[in-house]
PDB file of N, CA and C in Angstrom:
ATOM      1  N   MET A   1      25.164  46.561  67.486  1.00  0.00           N
ATOM      2  CA  MET A   1      25.714  46.753  66.051  1.00  0.00           C
ATOM      3  C   MET A   1      24.698  45.840  65.118  1.00  0.00           C
ATOM      4  N   SER A   2      24.508  46.509  64.054  1.00  0.00           N
ATOM      5  CA  SER A   2      23.536  45.957  63.044  1.00  0.00           C
ATOM      6  C   SER A   2      24.530  45.046  62.150  1.00  0.00           C
ATOM      7  N   ALA A   3      23.612  44.157  61.378  1.00  0.00           N
ATOM      8  CA  ALA A   3      24.258  43.491  60.467  1.00  0.00           C
ATOM      9  C   ALA A   3      25.025  44.198  59.415  1.00  0.00           C
ATOM     10  N   PRO A   4      26.209  43.626  58.883  1.00  0.00           N
ATOM     11  CA  PRO A   4      26.960  44.553  57.719  1.00  0.00           C
ATOM     12  C   PRO A   4      25.939  44.654  56.566  1.00  0.00           C
ATOM     13  N   THR A   5      25.128  43.690  56.254  1.00  0.00           N
ATOM     14  CA  THR A   5      24.166  43.871  55.093  1.00  0.00           C
ATOM     15  C   THR A   5      23.310  44.747  55.202  1.00  0.00           C
ATOM     16  N   ALA A   6      22.979  45.332  56.400  1.00  0.00           N
ATOM     17  CA  ALA A   6      21.882  46.259  56.701  1.00  0.00           C
ATOM     18  C   ALA A   6      22.218  47.703  55.909  1.00  0.00           C
ATOM     19  N   GLY A   7      23.379  48.025  55.956  1.00  0.00           N
ATOM     20  CA  GLY A   7      23.842  49.240  55.236  1.00  0.00           C
ATOM     21  C   GLY A   7      23.733  49.248  53.786  1.00  0.00           C
ATOM     22  N   TYR A   8      23.964  47.996  53.183  1.00  0.00           N
ATOM     23  CA  TYR A   8      23.811  47.869  51.730  1.00  0.00           C
ATOM     24  C   TYR A   8      22.266  47.773  51.347  1.00  0.00           C
ATOM     25  N   ALA A   9      21.574  47.119  52.276  1.00  0.00           N
ATOM     26  CA  ALA A   9      20.031  46.920  52.019  1.00  0.00           C
ATOM     27  C   ALA A   9      19.335  48.362  52.045  1.00  0.00           C
ATOM     28  N   ASP A  10      19.956  49.136  53.073  1.00  0.00           N
ATOM     29  CA  ASP A  10      19.384  50.465  53.189  1.00  0.00           C
ATOM     30  C   ASP A  10      19.740  51.497  51.818  1.00  0.00           C
ATOM     31  N   GLY A  11      20.944  51.205  51.465  1.00  0.00           N
ATOM     32  CA  GLY A  11      21.279  52.086  50.284  1.00  0.00           C
ATOM     33  C   GLY A  11      20.621  51.499  49.134  1.00  0.00           C
ATOM     34  N   LEU A  12      20.330  50.347  48.698  1.00  0.00           N
ATOM     35  CA  LEU A  12      19.544  49.858  47.797  1.00  0.00           C
ATOM     36  C   LEU A  12      18.135  50.415  47.920  1.00  0.00           C
ATOM     37  N   ALA A  13      17.496  50.488  49.031  1.00  0.00           N
ATOM     38  CA  ALA A  13      15.979  50.885  49.410  1.00  0.00           C
ATOM     39  C   ALA A  13      16.007  52.576  48.995  1.00  0.00           C
ATOM     40  N   ALA A  14      17.259  53.235  49.079  1.00  0.00           N
ATOM     41  CA  ALA A  14      17.342  54.645  48.763  1.00  0.00           C
ATOM     42  C   ALA A  14      17.857  54.802  47.284  1.00  0.00           C
ATOM     43  N   GLY A  15      18.018  53.716  46.612  1.00  0.00           N
ATOM     44  CA  GLY A  15      18.403  53.902  45.123  1.00  0.00           C
ATOM     45  C   GLY A  15      19.896  54.029  45.034  1.00  0.00           C
ATOM     46  N   GLU A  16      20.767  53.692  46.028  1.00  0.00           N
ATOM     47  CA  GLU A  16      22.220  53.839  45.972  1.00  0.00           C
ATOM     48  C   GLU A  16      22.837  52.473  46.232  1.00  0.00           C
ATOM     49  N   LEU A  17      23.964  52.468  45.490  1.00  0.00           N
ATOM     50  CA  LEU A  17      24.829  51.308  45.690  1.00  0.00           C
ATOM     51  C   LEU A  17      26.018  51.729  46.800  1.00  0.00           C
ATOM     52  N   ARG A  18      25.728  50.928  47.962  1.00  0.00           N
ATOM     53  CA  ARG A  18      26.648  51.198  49.090  1.00  0.00           C
ATOM     54  C   ARG A  18      27.768  50.117  49.237  1.00  0.00           C
ATOM     55  N   PHE A  19      28.926  50.395  49.694  1.00  0.00           N
ATOM     56  CA  PHE A  19      30.155  49.629  49.750  1.00  0.00           C
ATOM     57  C   PHE A  19      30.699  50.055  50.964  1.00  0.00           C
ATOM     58  N   GLN A  20      31.629  49.223  51.568  1.00  0.00           N
ATOM     59  CA  GLN A  20      32.529  49.635  52.644  1.00  0.00           C
ATOM     60  C   GLN A  20      33.898  49.980  52.110  1.00  0.00           C
ATOM     61  N   HIS A  21      34.647  50.609  52.998  1.00  0.00           N
ATOM     62  CA  HIS A  21      36.034  51.081  52.738  1.00  0.00           C
ATOM     63  C   HIS A  21      36.713  51.105  53.830  1.00  0.00           C
ATOM     64  N   CYS A  22      38.008  50.335  53.845  1.00  0.00           N
ATOM     65  CA  CYS A  22      38.895  50.119  54.911  1.00  0.00           C
ATOM     66  C   CYS A  22      39.777  51.276  55.270  1.00  0.00           C
ATOM     67  N   GLY A  23      39.668  51.906  56.402  1.00  0.00           N
ATOM     68  CA  GLY A  23      40.418  53.098  56.789  1.00  0.00           C
ATOM     69  C   GLY A  23      41.886  52.582  56.992  1.00  0.00           C
ATOM     70  N   ALA A  24      42.190  51.257  57.256  1.00  0.00           N
ATOM     71  CA  ALA A  24      43.376  50.818  57.627  1.00  0.00           C
ATOM     72  C   ALA A  24      44.391  50.638  56.419  1.00  0.00           C
ATOM     73  N   CYS A  25      43.723  49.926  55.395  1.00  0.00           N
ATOM     74  CA  CYS A  25      44.506  49.473  54.072  1.00  0.00           C
ATOM     75  C   CYS A  25      43.914  50.355  52.939  1.00  0.00           C
ATOM     76  N   ASP A  26      43.008  51.296  53.042  1.00  0.00           N
ATOM     77  CA  ASP A  26      42.629  52.059  51.970  1.00  0.00           C
ATOM     78  C   ASP A  26      42.037  51.259  50.729  1.00  0.00           C
ATOM     79  N   ARG A  27      41.187  50.213  50.999  1.00  0.00           N
ATOM     80  CA  ARG A  27      40.725  49.397  50.231  1.00  0.00           C
ATOM     81  C   ARG A  27      39.132  49.278  50.211  1.00  0.00           C
ATOM     82  N   ALA A  28      38.609  49.120  48.928  1.00  0.00           N
ATOM     83  CA  ALA A  28      37.174  48.872  48.941  1.00  0.00           C
ATOM     84  C   ALA A  28      36.758  47.579  49.336  1.00  0.00           C
ATOM     85  N   VAL A  29      35.599  47.285  49.959  1.00  0.00           N
ATOM     86  CA  VAL A  29      35.100  46.058  50.506  1.00  0.00           C
ATOM     87  C   VAL A  29      33.920  45.822  50.128  1.00  0.00           C
ATOM     88  N   PHE A  30      33.555  44.630  49.381  1.00  0.00           N
ATOM     89  CA  PHE A  30      32.196  44.257  49.068  1.00  0.00           C
ATOM     90  C   PHE A  30      32.200  42.879  48.715  1.00  0.00           C
ATOM     91  N   TYR A  31      31.206  42.216  49.296  1.00  0.00           N
ATOM     92  CA  TYR A  31      30.176  42.334  49.972  1.00  0.00           C
ATOM     93  C   TYR A  31      30.223  42.734  51.352  1.00  0.00           C
ATOM     94  N   PRO A  32      29.472  43.462  52.083  1.00  0.00           N
ATOM     95  CA  PRO A  32      29.447  43.771  53.544  1.00  0.00           C
ATOM     96  C   PRO A  32      30.009  42.826  54.398  1.00  0.00           C
ATOM     97  N   ARG A  33      30.990  43.192  55.144  1.00  0.00           N
ATOM     98  CA  ARG A  33      31.695  42.282  56.173  1.00  0.00           C
ATOM     99  C   ARG A  33      31.859  43.014  57.480  1.00  0.00           C
ATOM    100  N   VAL A  34      32.105  42.180  58.549  1.00  0.00           N
ATOM    101  CA  VAL A  34      32.492  42.742  59.900  1.00  0.00           C
ATOM    102  C   VAL A  34      33.985  43.276  59.913  1.00  0.00           C
ATOM    103  N   LEU A  35      34.835  42.444  59.142  1.00  0.00           N
ATOM    104  CA  LEU A  35      36.283  42.780  59.153  1.00  0.00           C
ATOM    105  C   LEU A  35      36.688  42.965  57.814  1.00  0.00           C
ATOM    106  N   CYS A  36      37.794  43.660  57.371  1.00  0.00           N
ATOM    107  CA  CYS A  36      38.307  43.880  56.207  1.00  0.00           C
ATOM    108  C   CYS A  36      39.000  42.495  55.675  1.00  0.00           C
ATOM    109  N   PRO A  37      38.664  42.003  54.550  1.00  0.00           N
ATOM    110  CA  PRO A  37      39.086  40.805  54.137  1.00  0.00           C
ATOM    111  C   PRO A  37      40.620  40.915  53.578  1.00  0.00           C
ATOM    112  N   HIS A  38      41.021  42.081  53.268  1.00  0.00           N
ATOM    113  CA  HIS A  38      42.294  42.252  52.867  1.00  0.00           C
ATOM    114  C   HIS A  38      43.363  42.422  54.111  1.00  0.00           C
ATOM    115  N   CYS A  39      42.920  42.946  55.219  1.00  0.00           N
ATOM    116  CA  CYS A  39      44.033  43.309  56.395  1.00  0.00           C
ATOM    117  C   CYS A  39      43.411  42.910  57.592  1.00  0.00           C
ATOM    118  N   GLY A  40      42.044  42.449  57.714  1.00  0.00           N
ATOM    119  CA  GLY A  40      41.585  42.143  59.074  1.00  0.00           C
ATOM    120  C   GLY A  40      41.228  43.203  59.890  1.00  0.00           C
ATOM    121  N   SER A  41      41.201  44.415  59.430  1.00  0.00           N
ATOM    122  CA  SER A  41      40.763  45.586  60.260  1.00  0.00           C
ATOM    123  C   SER A  41      39.338  45.679  60.489  1.00  0.00           C
ATOM    124  N   GLU A  42      38.990  46.253  61.573  1.00  0.00           N
ATOM    125  CA  GLU A  42      37.550  46.616  61.897  1.00  0.00           C
ATOM    126  C   GLU A  42      37.159  48.027  61.440  1.00  0.00           C
ATOM    127  N   SER A  43      38.101  48.756  60.726  1.00  0.00           N
ATOM    128  CA  SER A  43      37.959  50.138  60.517  1.00  0.00           C
ATOM    129  C   SER A  43      37.262  50.283  59.010  1.00  0.00           C
ATOM    130  N   LEU A  44      35.945  49.929  59.041  1.00  0.00           N
ATOM    131  CA  LEU A  44      35.182  49.824  58.017  1.00  0.00           C
ATOM    132  C   LEU A  44      34.263  50.961  57.837  1.00  0.00           C
ATOM    133  N   ALA A  45      34.054  51.761  56.970  1.00  0.00           N
ATOM    134  CA  ALA A  45      33.157  52.881  56.750  1.00  0.00           C
ATOM    135  C   ALA A  45      32.358  52.548  55.548  1.00  0.00           C
ATOM    136  N   TRP A  46      31.098  53.112  55.617  1.00  0.00           N
ATOM    137  CA  TRP A  46      30.215  53.126  54.349  1.00  0.00           C
ATOM    138  C   TRP A  46      30.672  54.368  53.606  1.00  0.00           C
ATOM    139  N   ARG A  47      30.555  53.983  52.222  1.00  0.00           N
ATOM    140  CA  ARG A  47      30.496  55.022  51.162  1.00  0.00           C
ATOM    141  C   ARG A  47      29.488  54.628  50.003  1.00  0.00           C
ATOM    142  N   THR A  48      29.391  55.578  49.206  1.00  0.00           N
ATOM    143  CA  THR A  48      28.355  55.442  48.162  1.00  0.00           C
ATOM    144  C   THR A  48      28.985  55.449  46.750  1.00  0.00           C
ATOM    145  N   SER A  49      28.742  54.402  46.094  1.00  0.00           N
ATOM    146  CA  SER A  49      29.288  54.319  44.840  1.00  0.00           C
ATOM    147  C   SER A  49      28.626  55.250  43.870  1.00  0.00           C
ATOM    148  N   SER A  50      29.292  55.730  42.582  1.00  0.00           N
ATOM    149  CA  SER A  50      28.747  56.395  41.563  1.00  0.00           C
ATOM    150  C   SER A  50      27.984  55.352  40.763  1.00  0.00           C
ATOM    151  N   GLY A  51      28.009  53.931  40.880  1.00  0.00           N
ATOM    152  CA  GLY A  51      27.113  53.196  40.203  1.00  0.00           C
ATOM    153  C   GLY A  51      27.766  52.977  38.957  1.00  0.00           C
ATOM    154  N   ARG A  52      28.915  53.287  38.410  1.00  0.00           N
ATOM    155  CA  ARG A  52      29.307  53.067  37.166  1.00  0.00           C
ATOM    156  C   ARG A  52      30.405  51.994  37.379  1.00  0.00           C
ATOM    157  N   GLY A  53      30.554  51.312  36.128  1.00  0.00           N
ATOM    158  CA  GLY A  53      31.477  50.186  36.130  1.00  0.00           C
ATOM    159  C   GLY A  53      31.635  49.583  34.520  1.00  0.00           C
ATOM    160  N   ALA A  54      32.416  48.616  34.765  1.00  0.00           N
ATOM    161  CA  ALA A  54      32.762  47.833  33.233  1.00  0.00           C
ATOM    162  C   ALA A  54      32.417  46.235  33.633  1.00  0.00           C
ATOM    163  N   VAL A  55      31.574  45.671  32.480  1.00  0.00           N
ATOM    164  CA  VAL A  55      31.464  44.268  32.609  1.00  0.00           C
ATOM    165  C   VAL A  55      32.898  43.550  32.533  1.00  0.00           C
ATOM    166  N   TYR A  56      33.231  42.644  33.472  1.00  0.00           N
ATOM    167  CA  TYR A  56      34.268  42.003  33.513  1.00  0.00           C
ATOM    168  C   TYR A  56      33.974  40.544  32.896  1.00  0.00           C
ATOM    169  N   ALA A  57      32.856  39.811  33.155  1.00  0.00           N
ATOM    170  CA  ALA A  57      32.591  38.518  32.599  1.00  0.00           C
ATOM    171  C   ALA A  57      31.059  38.486  32.508  1.00  0.00           C
ATOM    172  N   THR A  58      30.602  37.721  31.434  1.00  0.00           N
ATOM    173  CA  THR A  58      29.300  37.455  31.457  1.00  0.00           C
ATOM    174  C   THR A  58      29.038  36.225  30.918  1.00  0.00           C
ATOM    175  N   THR A  59      27.656  35.669  31.141  1.00  0.00           N
ATOM    176  CA  THR A  59      27.299  34.267  30.819  1.00  0.00           C
ATOM    177  C   THR A  59      25.706  34.416  30.718  1.00  0.00           C
ATOM    178  N   VAL A  60      25.212  33.557  29.704  1.00  0.00           N
ATOM    179  CA  VAL A  60      23.845  33.458  29.545  1.00  0.00           C
ATOM    180  C   VAL A  60      23.196  32.224  30.149  1.00  0.00           C
ATOM    181  N   LEU A  61      22.438  32.451  30.899  1.00  0.00           N
ATOM    182  CA  LEU A  61      21.642  31.174  31.636  1.00  0.00           C
ATOM    183  C   LEU A  61      20.154  30.804  30.878  1.00  0.00           C
ATOM    184  N   HIS A  62      19.913  29.475  30.808  1.00  0.00           N
ATOM    185  CA  HIS A  62      18.798  29.115  30.120  1.00  0.00           C
ATOM    186  C   HIS A  62      18.146  28.208  31.138  1.00  0.00           C
ATOM    187  N   LYS A  63      17.151  28.804  31.840  1.00  0.00           N
ATOM    188  CA  LYS A  63      16.523  27.842  32.842  1.00  0.00           C
ATOM    189  C   LYS A  63      15.172  27.499  32.140  1.00  0.00           C
ATOM    190  N   ARG A  64      14.760  26.091  32.188  1.00  0.00           N
ATOM    191  CA  ARG A  64      13.562  25.665  31.810  1.00  0.00           C
ATOM    192  C   ARG A  64      12.430  26.479  32.069  1.00  0.00           C
ATOM    193  N   GLY A  65      11.480  26.861  31.159  1.00  0.00           N
ATOM    194  CA  GLY A  65      10.192  27.488  31.258  1.00  0.00           C
ATOM    195  C   GLY A  65      10.433  28.963  31.515  1.00  0.00           C
ATOM    196  N   THR A  66      11.745  29.718  31.314  1.00  0.00           N
ATOM    197  CA  THR A  66      11.970  31.122  31.572  1.00  0.00           C
ATOM    198  C   THR A  66      12.787  31.474  30.256  1.00  0.00           C
ATOM    199  N   ASP A  67      12.741  32.880  30.079  1.00  0.00           N
ATOM    200  CA  ASP A  67      13.694  33.540  29.125  1.00  0.00           C
ATOM    201  C   ASP A  67      14.885  33.242  29.320  1.00  0.00           C
ATOM    202  N   PRO A  68      15.935  33.240  28.421  1.00  0.00           N
ATOM    203  CA  PRO A  68      17.342  33.308  28.982  1.00  0.00           C
ATOM    204  C   PRO A  68      17.732  34.654  29.463  1.00  0.00           C
ATOM    205  N   TYR A  69      18.712  34.644  30.439  1.00  0.00           N
ATOM    206  CA  TYR A  69      19.037  35.879  31.044  1.00  0.00           C
ATOM    207  C   TYR A  69      20.622  35.805  31.305  1.00  0.00           C
ATOM    208  N   ASN A  70      21.208  36.935  31.495  1.00  0.00           N
ATOM    209  CA  ASN A  70      22.670  37.068  31.802  1.00  0.00           C
ATOM    210  C   ASN A  70      23.069  37.138  33.229  1.00  0.00           C
ATOM    211  N   VAL A  71      24.269  36.567  33.686  1.00  0.00           N
ATOM    212  CA  VAL A  71      24.800  36.854  34.931  1.00  0.00           C
ATOM    213  C   VAL A  71      26.218  37.548  34.544  1.00  0.00           C
ATOM    214  N   ALA A  72      26.329  38.687  35.269  1.00  0.00           N
ATOM    215  CA  ALA A  72      27.495  39.320  34.834  1.00  0.00           C
ATOM    216  C   ALA A  72      28.091  39.755  36.268  1.00  0.00           C
ATOM    217  N   LEU A  73      29.650  39.799  35.836  1.00  0.00           N
ATOM    218  CA  LEU A  73      30.628  40.404  37.152  1.00  0.00           C
ATOM    219  C   LEU A  73      30.794  41.795  36.574  1.00  0.00           C
ATOM    220  N   VAL A  74      30.644  42.757  37.375  1.00  0.00           N
ATOM    221  CA  VAL A  74      30.780  43.991  36.914  1.00  0.00           C
ATOM    222  C   VAL A  74      31.890  44.540  37.914  1.00  0.00           C
ATOM    223  N   ASP A  75      32.947  45.204  37.354  1.00  0.00           N
ATOM    224  CA  ASP A  75      34.012  46.154  38.017  1.00  0.00           C
ATOM    225  C   ASP A  75      33.588  47.400  38.237  1.00  0.00           C
ATOM    226  N   VAL A  76      33.134  47.614  39.672  1.00  0.00           N
ATOM    227  CA  VAL A  76      32.723  49.065  39.711  1.00  0.00           C
ATOM    228  C   VAL A  76      33.836  49.911  39.805  1.00  0.00           C
ATOM    229  N   ASP A  77      33.689  51.104  39.427  1.00  0.00           N
ATOM    230  CA  ASP A  77      34.725  52.087  39.411  1.00  0.00           C
ATOM    231  C   ASP A  77      35.472  52.334  40.743  1.00  0.00           C
ATOM    232  N   GLU A  78      34.956  52.079  41.810  1.00  0.00           N
ATOM    233  CA  GLU A  78      35.430  52.441  43.293  1.00  0.00           C
ATOM    234  C   GLU A  78      36.402  51.246  43.721  1.00  0.00           C
ATOM    235  N   GLY A  79      36.397  50.150  42.801  1.00  0.00           N
ATOM    236  CA  GLY A  79      37.408  49.236  42.997  1.00  0.00           C
ATOM    237  C   GLY A  79      37.150  47.943  43.670  1.00  0.00           C
ATOM    238  N   PHE A  80      35.736  47.578  43.409  1.00  0.00           N
ATOM    239  CA  PHE A  80      35.302  46.155  43.835  1.00  0.00           C
ATOM    240  C   PHE A  80      34.511  45.680  42.750  1.00  0.00           C
ATOM    241  N   ARG A  81      34.470  44.159  42.721  1.00  0.00           N
ATOM    242  CA  ARG A  81      33.556  43.618  41.733  1.00  0.00           C
ATOM    243  C   ARG A  81      32.368  42.910  42.408  1.00  0.00           C
ATOM    244  N   MET A  82      31.222  43.159  41.644  1.00  0.00           N
ATOM    245  CA  MET A  82      29.898  42.483  42.220  1.00  0.00           C
ATOM    246  C   MET A  82      29.278  41.589  41.252  1.00  0.00           C
ATOM    247  N   MET A  83      28.477  40.604  41.597  1.00  0.00           N
ATOM    248  CA  MET A  83      27.733  39.808  40.598  1.00  0.00           C
ATOM    249  C   MET A  83      26.521  40.549  40.463  1.00  0.00           C
ATOM    250  N   SER A  84      25.838  40.566  39.327  1.00  0.00           N
ATOM    251  CA  SER A  84      24.495  41.130  38.974  1.00  0.00           C
ATOM    252  C   SER A  84      24.136  40.844  37.548  1.00  0.00           C
ATOM    253  N   ARG A  85      23.392  41.404  36.928  1.00  0.00           N
ATOM    254  CA  ARG A  85      22.978  41.153  35.535  1.00  0.00           C
ATOM    255  C   ARG A  85      22.968  42.608  34.949  1.00  0.00           C
ATOM    256  N   VAL A  86      22.930  42.538  33.442  1.00  0.00           N
ATOM    257  CA  VAL A  86      22.680  43.562  32.676  1.00  0.00           C
ATOM    258  C   VAL A  86      21.488  43.781  32.079  1.00  0.00           C
ATOM    259  N   GLU A  87      20.695  44.681  32.348  1.00  0.00           N
ATOM    260  CA  GLU A  87      19.282  44.826  31.722  1.00  0.00           C
ATOM    261  C   GLU A  87      19.288  45.698  30.564  1.00  0.00           C
ATOM    262  N   GLY A  88      18.293  45.641  29.570  1.00  0.00           N
ATOM    263  CA  GLY A  88      18.196  46.567  28.529  1.00  0.00           C
ATOM    264  C   GLY A  88      18.928  46.256  27.301  1.00  0.00           C
ATOM    265  N   VAL A  89      19.554  45.133  27.425  1.00  0.00           N
ATOM    266  CA  VAL A  89      20.154  44.484  26.092  1.00  0.00           C
ATOM    267  C   VAL A  89      20.049  43.036  25.945  1.00  0.00           C
ATOM    268  N   ALA A  90      20.131  42.665  25.048  1.00  0.00           N
ATOM    269  CA  ALA A  90      19.780  40.817  24.827  1.00  0.00           C
ATOM    270  C   ALA A  90      20.821  40.405  25.464  1.00  0.00           C
ATOM    271  N   PRO A  91      20.493  39.215  26.427  1.00  0.00           N
ATOM    272  CA  PRO A  91      21.541  38.468  27.352  1.00  0.00           C
ATOM    273  C   PRO A  91      22.782  38.143  26.444  1.00  0.00           C
ATOM    274  N   ALA A  92      22.698  37.665  25.230  1.00  0.00           N
ATOM    275  CA  ALA A  92      23.851  37.426  24.408  1.00  0.00           C
ATOM    276  C   ALA A  92      24.551  38.349  23.923  1.00  0.00           C
ATOM    277  N   ASP A  93      24.112  39.694  23.918  1.00  0.00           N
ATOM    278  CA  ASP A  93      24.738  40.848  23.506  1.00  0.00           C
ATOM    279  C   ASP A  93      25.406  41.659  24.670  1.00  0.00           C
ATOM    280  N   VAL A  94      25.372  41.003  25.799  1.00  0.00           N
ATOM    281  CA  VAL A  94      26.175  41.869  26.932  1.00  0.00           C
ATOM    282  C   VAL A  94      27.760  41.555  26.542  1.00  0.00           C
ATOM    283  N   ALA A  95      28.482  42.726  26.474  1.00  0.00           N
ATOM    284  CA  ALA A  95      29.894  42.563  26.040  1.00  0.00           C
ATOM    285  C   ALA A  95      30.811  42.658  27.173  1.00  0.00           C
ATOM    286  N   ILE A  96      31.892  41.959  27.244  1.00  0.00           N
ATOM    287  CA  ILE A  96      32.944  42.286  28.137  1.00  0.00           C
ATOM    288  C   ILE A  96      33.611  43.557  27.866  1.00  0.00           C
ATOM    289  N   GLY A  97      33.700  44.401  28.872  1.00  0.00           N
ATOM    290  CA  GLY A  97      34.364  45.677  28.657  1.00  0.00           C
ATOM    291  C   GLY A  97      33.240  46.900  28.650  1.00  0.00           C
ATOM    292  N   ALA A  98      31.959  46.445  28.440  1.00  0.00           N
ATOM    293  CA  ALA A  98      30.958  47.500  28.254  1.00  0.00           C
ATOM    294  C   ALA A  98      30.731  48.283  29.395  1.00  0.00           C
ATOM    295  N   ARG A  99      30.792  49.445  29.428  1.00  0.00           N
ATOM    296  CA  ARG A  99      30.314  50.573  30.491  1.00  0.00           C
ATOM    297  C   ARG A  99      28.912  50.466  30.708  1.00  0.00           C
ATOM    298  N   VAL A 100      28.711  50.294  32.080  1.00  0.00           N
ATOM    299  CA  VAL A 100      27.338  49.987  32.578  1.00  0.00           C
ATOM    300  C   VAL A 100      27.060  51.095  33.774  1.00  0.00           C
ATOM    301  N   ARG A 101      25.869  51.299  34.053  1.00  0.00           N
ATOM    302  CA  ARG A 101      25.491  52.090  35.346  1.00  0.00           C
ATOM    303  C   ARG A 101      24.510  51.431  35.926  1.00  0.00           C
ATOM    304  N   LEU A 102      24.471  51.693  37.280  1.00  0.00           N
ATOM    305  CA  LEU A 102      23.473  51.052  38.387  1.00  0.00           C
ATOM    306  C   LEU A 102      22.066  51.536  37.999  1.00  0.00           C
ATOM    307  N   ASP A 103      21.023  50.403  38.172  1.00  0.00           N
ATOM    308  CA  ASP A 103      19.738  50.771  38.339  1.00  0.00           C
ATOM    309  C   ASP A 103      19.160  49.943  39.393  1.00  0.00           C
ATOM    310  N   VAL A 104      18.486  50.445  40.304  1.00  0.00           N
ATOM    311  CA  VAL A 104      17.967  49.732  41.306  1.00  0.00           C
ATOM    312  C   VAL A 104      16.386  49.403  40.912  1.00  0.00           C
ATOM    313  N   ILE A 105      16.214  48.179  40.716  1.00  0.00           N
ATOM    314  CA  ILE A 105      14.737  47.784  40.560  1.00  0.00           C
ATOM    315  C   ILE A 105      14.036  47.124  41.668  1.00  0.00           C
ATOM    316  N   GLU A 106      12.846  46.911  41.504  1.00  0.00           N
ATOM    317  CA  GLU A 106      12.252  45.970  42.695  1.00  0.00           C
ATOM    318  C   GLU A 106      11.765  44.624  42.044  1.00  0.00           C
ATOM    319  N   GLU A 107      12.323  43.551  42.707  1.00  0.00           N
ATOM    320  CA  GLU A 107      11.972  42.251  42.420  1.00  0.00           C
ATOM    321  C   GLU A 107      11.393  41.386  43.478  1.00  0.00           C
ATOM    322  N   ASP A 108      10.149  40.905  43.360  1.00  0.00           N
ATOM    323  CA  ASP A 108       9.629  40.217  44.490  1.00  0.00           C
ATOM    324  C   ASP A 108       9.485  40.895  45.562  1.00  0.00           C
ATOM    325  N   GLY A 109       9.347  42.352  45.679  1.00  0.00           N
ATOM    326  CA  GLY A 109       9.169  43.262  46.727  1.00  0.00           C
ATOM    327  C   GLY A 109      10.578  43.563  47.312  1.00  0.00           C
ATOM    328  N   VAL A 110      11.516  43.322  46.699  1.00  0.00           N
ATOM    329  CA  VAL A 110      12.773  43.544  47.288  1.00  0.00           C
ATOM    330  C   VAL A 110      13.628  44.458  46.345  1.00  0.00           C
ATOM    331  N   PRO A 111      14.353  45.536  46.736  1.00  0.00           N
ATOM    332  CA  PRO A 111      15.256  46.254  45.771  1.00  0.00           C
ATOM    333  C   PRO A 111      16.471  45.407  45.552  1.00  0.00           C
ATOM    334  N   LEU A 112      16.738  45.543  44.180  1.00  0.00           N
ATOM    335  CA  LEU A 112      17.872  44.499  43.511  1.00  0.00           C
ATOM    336  C   LEU A 112      18.723  45.525  42.727  1.00  0.00           C
ATOM    337  N   ALA A 113      20.049  45.331  42.855  1.00  0.00           N
ATOM    338  CA  ALA A 113      20.966  46.208  42.074  1.00  0.00           C
ATOM    339  C   ALA A 113      21.251  45.475  40.663  1.00  0.00           C
ATOM    340  N   VAL A 114      20.849  46.033  39.612  1.00  0.00           N
ATOM    341  CA  VAL A 114      21.191  45.488  38.287  1.00  0.00           C
ATOM    342  C   VAL A 114      21.768  46.605  37.595  1.00  0.00           C
ATOM    343  N   PHE A 115      22.376  46.447  36.314  1.00  0.00           N
ATOM    344  CA  PHE A 115      23.065  47.538  35.578  1.00  0.00           C
ATOM    345  C   PHE A 115      22.559  47.450  34.229  1.00  0.00           C
ATOM    346  N   ARG A 116      22.686  48.767  33.656  1.00  0.00           N
ATOM    347  CA  ARG A 116      22.225  49.089  32.248  1.00  0.00           C
ATOM    348  C   ARG A 116      23.370  49.575  31.427  1.00  0.00           C
ATOM    349  N   PRO A 117      23.379  49.339  29.996  1.00  0.00           N
ATOM    350  CA  PRO A 117      24.324  50.154  29.450  1.00  0.00           C
ATOM    351  C   PRO A 117      24.492  51.452  29.616  1.00  0.00           C
ATOM    352  N   LEU A 118      25.599  52.068  29.850  1.00  0.00           N
ATOM    353  CA  LEU A 118      25.886  53.378  30.218  1.00  0.00           C
ATOM    354  C   LEU A 118      25.181  54.446  29.232  1.00  0.00           C
ATOM    355  N   GLU A 119      25.334  54.194  27.956  1.00  0.00           N
ATOM    356  CA  GLU A 119      24.926  54.967  26.782  1.00  0.00           C
ATOM    357  C   GLU A 119      23.235  55.265  27.073  1.00  0.00           C
ATOM    358  N   ASP A 120      22.590  54.164  27.770  1.00  0.00           N
ATOM    359  CA  ASP A 120      21.106  54.312  27.659  1.00  0.00           C
ATOM    360  C   ASP A 120      20.671  55.231  29.034  1.00  0.00           C
ATOM    361  N   GLN A 121      21.617  55.684  29.716  1.00  0.00           N
ATOM    362  CA  GLN A 121      21.394  56.464  30.671  1.00  0.00           C
ATOM    363  C   GLN A 121      21.919  57.909  30.717  1.00  0.00           C
ATOM    364  N   GLU A 122      22.663  58.365  29.683  1.00  0.00           N
ATOM    365  CA  GLU A 122      23.323  59.585  29.750  1.00  0.00           C
ATOM    366  C   GLU A 122      22.429  60.636  28.844  1.00  0.00           C
TER     367      GLU A 122
END
């Protein structure tokens, strides 16, 4: 058995956002796990998200020596929340409730899930 994060990482490498779904309680599970955090079942299967969601919360971070950037919690349409950032808009202009879509970028040689405003990709 491989680590639960391997399925997530493989998905990002393929340009997809993968999450687990529990067959016992019919709920989305994210971040990948061995057992469902809702009911304790081992009945987890991989699914691929549409990559669409809405910003639940956002903040702007100011690190010394770097440009400000945002950190956002995104409610993904399949029923889970994930932490990421929204690209393509000024950090202070990321709005709660804004519709966003997944974009997989490479950062330091590793695929990374970020989001962009939905209207930028339609």
